[in-house]
Each structure stands twice: as C-alpha cells, then as structure tokens.
Amino acid sequence: MSETTHDGTVAVSAPASPDEGFTAAELAAKYGLSVSGARPSLIEYVRQLWGRRHFILAFSQAKLTAQYSQAKLGQLWQVVTPLLNAAVYFFIFGLILEADRGMSREVYIPFLVTGVFVFTFTQSSVMAGVRAISGNLGLVRALHFPRASLPISFALQQLQQLLFSMIVLFTVSIGFGSYPDLSWVLIVPVLALQFCFNTGLALIMARAGAHTPDLAQLMPFVMRTWMYASGVMFSIPIMLKDKPDWIATVLQWNPAAIYMDLMRFALIDDYGWEKLPDHAWEAAGGWALLFALGGFVYFWKAEERYGRG
C-alpha cells in the first residue's frame, strides 16, 4: 500500500497485521503457545516422570557412590554409622536406663538394631528431601525436567543404602538366635510400603524446604523427637504400661513405629503378633498410600515455582 506525500515522494506502508488488536493471552491460545515451565496436568506429569526413570535411578546411584567418596572406609560407613548409633543407644538405654525391661538380651539387641536401621531409613529420606530442591538449584534452573525426580531419587538412594545395610541386620538377627524362615519374606512388602511412605514424605519436605531454607536447620530436632516417640530404643507398651492406654495407642500407630514393629516381627523369632498393634498391616498400607499420593499431588501443585525467586 502506497501514497504520495506533499513533496512528491512516495511512502509505502505495511499492510495491517492479522494479529493486530489481540492480547498476548489470545495470541498464545491462537498459536498453541504455553508458558515456559508451566505445570503440566497430573497425568502428563506422571508420564514425564516415567520417561525420566533412568535419570532417577542413575542420579540416586551417583549420589550413593559419592556420599562417602572422601572417606577411607568408603561405602562401609553406610553400615558402620547406624551400627555405632545402635551401640551408643544400647549403652545408654539398654545398660544404664534398662529400657530393655521385659525382653531378654537375645531379643533386645536385634530389636534395637532393627529399630535404628529402619528409622534411619525414614530419617535420611526426610533430611534428603528437605534439601532436594534448595540444594540443587543449579540443576533445577539449568534443565527442564519434572522436579519430583529429585526427592524421588533421594528416597531411592536411601532405600539402596538400607538394602546394603540389611546384610548386617541379618547377621545380627542370626547371631542372636533368629534364623531365616518364612516370616523373612515379609521384609519385602514392609520395605515397599515404607519406601512409598518415605517418598511421599520426602516430596512434602522438598516443597516445604524449597521455600523455607531454614527448615533444614529445624528438622534434626523434629526427627530426634519423632525417634524418641517411636519406640526405637524401647517397647512402647512396656515402657508406658503405667500411663493411660491412649498414649501408648497413639505412639504405636505413628507410621515410624508401625514399620519398625512389622520389620521386627519379620526378623525376630520371639517378637510375635501380640507385640503388634491391631490392624498393623492395614495401618502400614494406609500410611503409605496417604503420603505417597498426597505428597505427590502436594509437590506437583507447586511445580512451576521451584527454582524461582
């Protein structure tokens, strides 16, 4: 389109754009554009996570290998650390405070070691989850991937570490008279349920820790309180037999205590059904389902905010 000006020159004007008058949102909808880093649908998010499954496994294995790379004992610290904790707890609670009341030494030592190993699994998953996003901001800001990959890989790392440590747990159990039998098969579903619970909890803590960095400093105190309330070093019903029944019931139904009791039942011959709270398996499954699904949805809802600001 052209027109002649008053001085005789010809001015050429561009034709009107077909997009003139549209807002940015309308143009994006017209051309199928979406916001960079926008949260996908829940189903699409699950699909993306499945597509990153090899990354999640490789990342967890790399973190596990690098964890003790500077120590001379290397990966042996995965076993030595909880064993040293168990030895300290046995000295304080077993010998000095006599928290083993009602249990023989052959039962109490496997009871204690099992509790320490199983609770450490949850504790480490939570602590790793708190720092999953805030401790990997460079990765989060540099690459586009479903952010849930990080807390899931950290929970998987702790599962691999526990599996490595199970060799020692088996040795302790056998050394104190609890030999392998059919009940040991129950170890598999117990670990599967606890892993689901831990993963959900890690996802929750990852979102909370991403926006509140100081949470990493608070969580050791929370976890220590949870440990003392879960019967790691003592039998809750025996220790609280002089207290109102509801206190022991509440403490026994907390998920950490449930998973420890089920693992003790599977491993220790003299730790029978009567030591478990009613509907222990139903409670273990319920806690796992609630936290795995709830934690996943809770984390997904903030997907587009991770690594920003």
Protein backbone atom coordinates (compact mmCIF):
# COMPACT_ATOMS: atom_id res chain seq x y z
CA MET A 1 0.00 0.00 0.00
CA SER A 2 1.48 3.41 -1.04
CA GLU A 3 0.57 7.10 -1.10
CA THR A 4 2.15 10.31 -2.49
CA THR A 5 3.24 12.97 0.01
CA HIS A 6 3.02 16.76 -0.48
CA ASP A 7 6.66 16.92 -1.65
CA GLY A 8 6.10 14.34 -4.39
CA THR A 9 7.75 11.34 -2.68
CA VAL A 10 6.02 8.02 -2.42
CA ALA A 11 5.53 6.50 1.07
CA VAL A 12 4.94 2.79 1.40
CA SER A 13 3.09 1.46 4.46
CA ALA A 14 2.96 -2.16 5.61
CA PRO A 15 -0.34 -3.97 5.43
CA ALA A 16 -2.25 -4.36 8.68
CA SER A 17 -1.22 -7.40 10.72
CA PRO A 18 -3.88 -10.11 11.05
CA ASP A 19 -2.94 -10.33 14.73
CA GLU A 20 -3.43 -6.64 15.43
CA GLY A 21 -5.72 -5.99 18.36
CA PHE A 22 -5.24 -9.38 20.02
CA THR A 23 -3.96 -9.63 23.61
CA ALA A 24 -0.90 -11.74 24.46
CA ALA A 25 -3.09 -14.42 26.03
CA GLU A 26 -5.31 -14.56 22.93
CA LEU A 27 -2.29 -14.82 20.62
CA ALA A 28 -0.82 -17.64 22.75
CA ALA A 29 -4.10 -19.54 22.54
CA LYS A 30 -4.34 -18.89 18.80
CA TYR A 31 -0.89 -20.34 18.05
CA GLY A 32 -0.89 -23.08 20.67
CA LEU A 33 1.81 -21.49 22.86
CA SER A 34 2.19 -22.16 26.59
CA VAL A 35 4.10 -20.56 29.43
CA SER A 36 7.68 -21.85 29.79
CA GLY A 37 7.91 -24.06 32.88
CA ALA A 38 4.15 -24.16 33.37
CA ARG A 39 2.78 -27.02 35.44
CA PRO A 40 1.54 -29.90 33.26
CA SER A 41 -1.56 -31.90 34.07
CA LEU A 42 -1.18 -34.58 36.72
CA ILE A 43 -1.38 -37.41 34.18
CA GLU A 44 1.14 -35.71 31.91
CA TYR A 45 3.41 -35.14 34.89
CA VAL A 46 3.34 -38.85 35.74
CA ARG A 47 4.14 -39.63 32.09
CA GLN A 48 7.12 -37.26 32.17
CA LEU A 49 8.40 -38.83 35.38
CA TRP A 50 8.20 -42.30 33.87
CA GLY A 51 10.19 -41.01 30.91
CA ARG A 52 12.90 -39.85 33.35
CA ARG A 53 13.05 -43.16 35.24
CA HIS A 54 16.58 -43.93 34.03
CA PHE A 55 17.76 -40.49 35.17
CA ILE A 56 16.17 -41.00 38.59
CA LEU A 57 17.92 -44.35 39.08
CA ALA A 58 21.29 -43.12 37.76
CA PHE A 59 21.12 -39.96 39.88
CA SER A 60 20.38 -41.93 43.05
CA GLN A 61 23.24 -44.35 42.36
CA ALA A 62 25.66 -41.49 41.67
CA LYS A 63 24.68 -39.75 44.91
CA LEU A 64 25.11 -43.01 46.84
CA THR A 65 28.57 -43.59 45.37
CA ALA A 66 29.70 -40.01 46.01
CA GLN A 67 28.34 -39.86 49.57
CA TYR A 68 31.42 -41.38 51.21
CA SER A 69 33.90 -40.96 48.38
CA GLN A 70 36.26 -38.88 50.54
CA ALA A 71 36.28 -41.36 53.46
CA LYS A 72 38.85 -44.16 53.65
CA LEU A 73 36.21 -46.73 54.59
CA GLY A 74 34.05 -45.56 51.70
CA GLN A 75 30.67 -47.29 51.44
CA LEU A 76 31.28 -49.21 54.67
CA TRP A 77 30.12 -46.09 56.51
CA GLN A 78 26.62 -46.94 55.27
CA VAL A 79 26.73 -49.84 57.74
CA VAL A 80 29.14 -48.50 60.37
CA THR A 81 27.13 -45.33 61.10
CA PRO A 82 23.83 -46.98 62.14
CA LEU A 83 25.77 -49.72 63.96
CA LEU A 84 27.63 -47.12 66.01
CA ASN A 85 24.33 -45.39 66.76
CA ALA A 86 22.87 -48.72 67.89
CA ALA A 87 25.91 -49.34 70.12
CA VAL A 88 25.52 -45.92 71.76
CA TYR A 89 21.78 -46.43 72.28
CA PHE A 90 22.40 -49.90 73.75
CA PHE A 91 24.93 -48.48 76.22
CA ILE A 92 22.63 -45.61 77.27
CA PHE A 93 19.19 -47.20 77.08
CA GLY A 94 19.98 -50.90 77.42
CA LEU A 95 22.61 -50.84 80.15
CA ILE A 96 22.21 -47.57 82.02
CA LEU A 97 18.47 -46.83 81.74
CA GLU A 98 17.45 -50.50 81.39
CA ALA A 99 14.99 -49.76 78.62
CA ASP A 100 15.11 -53.45 77.67
CA ARG A 101 12.76 -54.29 80.54
CA GLY A 102 10.64 -57.31 79.73
CA MET A 103 12.99 -58.50 76.95
CA SER A 104 15.94 -60.86 77.05
CA ARG A 105 19.28 -59.74 75.65
CA GLU A 106 18.79 -62.12 72.68
CA VAL A 107 15.63 -60.22 71.75
CA TYR A 108 16.55 -56.68 72.78
CA ILE A 109 19.72 -56.30 70.72
CA PRO A 110 18.08 -57.34 67.39
CA PHE A 111 15.06 -55.26 68.48
CA LEU A 112 17.27 -52.19 68.94
CA VAL A 113 19.40 -52.65 65.81
CA THR A 114 16.31 -53.20 63.65
CA GLY A 115 14.70 -50.08 65.05
CA VAL A 116 17.79 -47.97 64.39
CA PHE A 117 18.20 -49.20 60.81
CA VAL A 118 14.52 -48.85 59.90
CA PHE A 119 14.09 -45.41 61.48
CA THR A 120 17.32 -44.19 59.87
CA PHE A 121 15.77 -45.08 56.51
CA THR A 122 12.90 -42.66 57.13
CA GLN A 123 15.05 -40.04 58.84
CA SER A 124 17.56 -39.91 55.98
CA SER A 125 14.80 -39.73 53.37
CA VAL A 126 13.23 -36.76 55.16
CA MET A 127 16.52 -34.89 55.58
CA ALA A 128 17.48 -35.51 51.94
CA GLY A 129 14.01 -34.40 50.84
CA VAL A 130 14.29 -31.07 52.66
CA ARG A 131 17.36 -30.19 50.58
CA ALA A 132 16.27 -31.88 47.34
CA ILE A 133 15.30 -28.62 45.62
CA SER A 134 17.12 -25.95 47.64
CA GLY A 135 20.39 -27.90 47.47
CA ASN A 136 20.20 -28.45 43.70
CA LEU A 137 19.11 -25.03 42.44
CA GLY A 138 21.76 -25.01 39.72
CA LEU A 139 20.33 -28.19 38.22
CA VAL A 140 16.75 -27.03 38.67
CA ARG A 141 17.38 -23.70 36.93
CA ALA A 142 19.56 -25.06 34.14
CA LEU A 143 17.46 -28.01 32.92
CA HIS A 144 13.80 -28.64 32.27
CA PHE A 145 12.60 -31.87 33.89
CA PRO A 146 9.88 -32.90 36.37
CA ARG A 147 11.19 -31.62 39.70
CA ALA A 148 9.73 -34.60 41.58
CA SER A 149 12.60 -36.59 40.08
CA LEU A 150 14.92 -35.15 42.75
CA PRO A 151 13.12 -36.10 46.00
CA ILE A 152 12.16 -39.47 44.50
CA SER A 153 15.78 -40.19 43.58
CA PHE A 154 16.93 -39.24 47.10
CA ALA A 155 14.36 -41.60 48.66
CA LEU A 156 15.56 -44.31 46.26
CA GLN A 157 19.14 -43.60 47.33
CA GLN A 158 18.21 -44.22 50.97
CA LEU A 159 16.45 -47.47 50.01
CA GLN A 160 19.59 -48.70 48.26
CA GLN A 161 21.64 -47.77 51.29
CA LEU A 162 19.29 -49.70 53.59
CA LEU A 163 19.40 -52.76 51.32
CA PHE A 164 23.18 -52.69 51.55
CA SER A 165 22.91 -52.48 55.34
CA MET A 166 20.41 -55.35 55.56
CA ILE A 167 23.34 -57.78 55.39
CA VAL A 168 24.42 -56.57 58.83
CA LEU A 169 20.85 -56.66 60.12
CA PHE A 170 20.52 -60.29 59.02
CA THR A 171 23.85 -61.13 60.67
CA VAL A 172 22.77 -59.59 63.98
CA SER A 173 19.44 -61.42 63.91
CA ILE A 174 21.06 -64.78 63.18
CA GLY A 175 23.79 -64.14 65.75
CA PHE A 176 21.14 -63.78 68.46
CA GLY A 177 19.15 -66.86 67.52
CA SER A 178 16.60 -65.64 64.94
CA TYR A 179 17.22 -67.80 61.90
CA PRO A 180 15.70 -67.31 58.42
CA ASP A 181 12.19 -68.67 57.98
CA LEU A 182 9.04 -67.83 56.03
CA SER A 183 8.44 -64.68 58.06
CA TRP A 184 11.53 -63.12 56.46
CA VAL A 185 9.59 -62.94 53.19
CA LEU A 186 7.51 -60.19 54.84
CA ILE A 187 10.58 -57.93 54.72
CA VAL A 188 9.83 -57.20 51.05
CA PRO A 189 6.31 -55.74 51.50
CA VAL A 190 7.38 -53.89 54.65
CA LEU A 191 10.21 -52.15 52.79
CA ALA A 192 7.97 -51.46 49.80
CA LEU A 193 5.33 -49.80 51.99
CA GLN A 194 7.90 -47.83 53.94
CA PHE A 195 9.57 -46.68 50.73
CA CYS A 196 6.23 -45.35 49.45
CA PHE A 197 5.66 -43.56 52.75
CA ASN A 198 9.20 -42.13 52.78
CA THR A 199 8.92 -40.95 49.17
CA GLY A 200 5.68 -39.11 49.88
CA LEU A 201 7.18 -37.52 52.98
CA ALA A 202 10.32 -36.52 51.02
CA LEU A 203 8.12 -34.86 48.38
CA ILE A 204 6.27 -32.88 51.06
CA MET A 205 9.51 -31.80 52.72
CA ALA A 206 11.07 -30.93 49.35
CA ARG A 207 8.31 -28.42 48.60
CA ALA A 208 8.45 -27.00 52.13
CA GLY A 209 12.26 -26.80 52.08
CA ALA A 210 12.31 -25.15 48.66
CA HIS A 211 10.51 -22.09 50.02
CA THR A 212 11.75 -22.21 53.64
CA PRO A 213 15.51 -22.94 53.68
CA ASP A 214 15.65 -22.64 57.48
CA LEU A 215 13.58 -25.83 57.69
CA ALA A 216 16.78 -27.83 57.14
CA GLN A 217 18.09 -26.49 60.46
CA LEU A 218 14.89 -27.33 62.33
CA MET A 219 14.31 -30.85 61.04
CA PRO A 220 17.08 -32.60 63.06
CA PHE A 221 15.23 -31.61 66.25
CA VAL A 222 11.90 -32.77 64.82
CA MET A 223 13.37 -36.10 63.74
CA ARG A 224 15.03 -36.66 67.13
CA THR A 225 11.70 -36.09 68.87
CA TRP A 226 9.97 -38.44 66.44
CA MET A 227 12.62 -41.09 67.08
CA TYR A 228 12.11 -41.00 70.86
CA ALA A 229 8.34 -41.17 70.38
CA SER A 230 8.50 -44.17 68.04
CA GLY A 231 9.98 -46.83 70.30
CA VAL A 232 13.34 -47.19 68.58
CA MET A 233 15.12 -47.99 71.84
CA PHE A 234 12.26 -49.43 73.91
CA SER A 235 8.95 -51.24 73.68
CA ILE A 236 6.18 -48.63 73.80
CA PRO A 237 3.54 -50.82 75.57
CA ILE A 238 6.02 -51.98 78.22
CA MET A 239 7.55 -48.57 78.84
CA LEU A 240 4.15 -46.87 79.10
CA LYS A 241 2.26 -49.59 80.96
CA ASP A 242 1.67 -47.26 83.93
CA LYS A 243 0.36 -44.45 81.71
CA PRO A 244 -3.13 -44.02 80.20
CA ASP A 245 -3.70 -46.57 77.43
CA TRP A 246 -4.43 -43.94 74.79
CA ILE A 247 -0.86 -42.59 74.94
CA ALA A 248 0.67 -45.95 74.00
CA THR A 249 -2.00 -46.44 71.33
CA VAL A 250 -1.25 -43.11 69.67
CA LEU A 251 2.50 -43.71 69.71
CA GLN A 252 2.15 -47.25 68.34
CA TRP A 253 0.02 -46.06 65.43
CA ASN A 254 2.53 -43.49 64.23
CA PRO A 255 3.97 -44.71 60.89
CA ALA A 256 7.60 -44.98 62.01
CA ALA A 257 6.59 -47.29 64.88
CA ILE A 258 4.35 -49.36 62.57
CA TYR A 259 7.13 -50.07 60.07
CA MET A 260 9.64 -50.86 62.81
CA ASP A 261 7.25 -53.27 64.51
CA LEU A 262 6.49 -55.08 61.26
CA MET A 263 10.18 -55.44 60.46
CA ARG A 264 10.87 -56.74 63.97
CA PHE A 265 8.02 -59.21 63.60
CA ALA A 266 9.51 -60.45 60.32
CA LEU A 267 13.07 -60.79 61.64
CA ILE A 268 12.89 -61.71 65.33
CA ASP A 269 11.50 -65.12 66.30
CA ASP A 270 10.27 -64.07 69.75
CA TYR A 271 8.61 -60.88 68.52
CA GLY A 272 5.14 -62.27 67.77
CA TRP A 273 1.73 -60.99 66.71
CA GLU A 274 0.90 -59.99 70.27
CA LYS A 275 3.57 -57.27 70.09
CA LEU A 276 1.92 -55.60 67.08
CA PRO A 277 -0.91 -53.06 67.31
CA ASP A 278 -4.26 -54.16 65.89
CA HIS A 279 -4.51 -53.94 62.09
CA ALA A 280 -0.78 -53.19 61.74
CA TRP A 281 -0.67 -54.17 58.05
CA GLU A 282 -3.74 -52.10 57.24
CA ALA A 283 -2.18 -49.12 59.01
CA ALA A 284 1.12 -49.59 57.17
CA GLY A 285 -0.69 -49.66 53.82
CA GLY A 286 -2.87 -46.70 54.74
CA TRP A 287 0.07 -44.51 55.76
CA ALA A 288 1.96 -45.47 52.58
CA LEU A 289 -0.99 -44.70 50.30
CA LEU A 290 -1.90 -41.45 52.06
CA PHE A 291 1.60 -39.98 51.96
CA ALA A 292 2.62 -41.32 48.54
CA LEU A 293 -0.44 -39.90 46.77
CA GLY A 294 -0.91 -36.85 48.97
CA GLY A 295 2.78 -35.94 48.89
CA PHE A 296 2.96 -36.36 45.12
CA VAL A 297 -0.05 -34.11 44.46
CA TYR A 298 1.15 -31.55 47.04
CA PHE A 299 4.57 -31.35 45.34
CA TRP A 300 3.11 -31.23 41.82
CA LYS A 301 0.89 -28.23 42.65
CA ALA A 302 3.98 -26.03 43.10
CA GLU A 303 5.91 -27.42 40.12
CA GLU A 304 6.20 -24.10 38.25
CA ARG A 305 7.55 -22.26 41.32
CA TYR A 306 10.64 -24.38 42.05
CA GLY A 307 13.91 -22.56 41.41
CA ARG A 308 12.28 -19.15 41.00
CA GLY A 309 12.86 -16.23 43.34
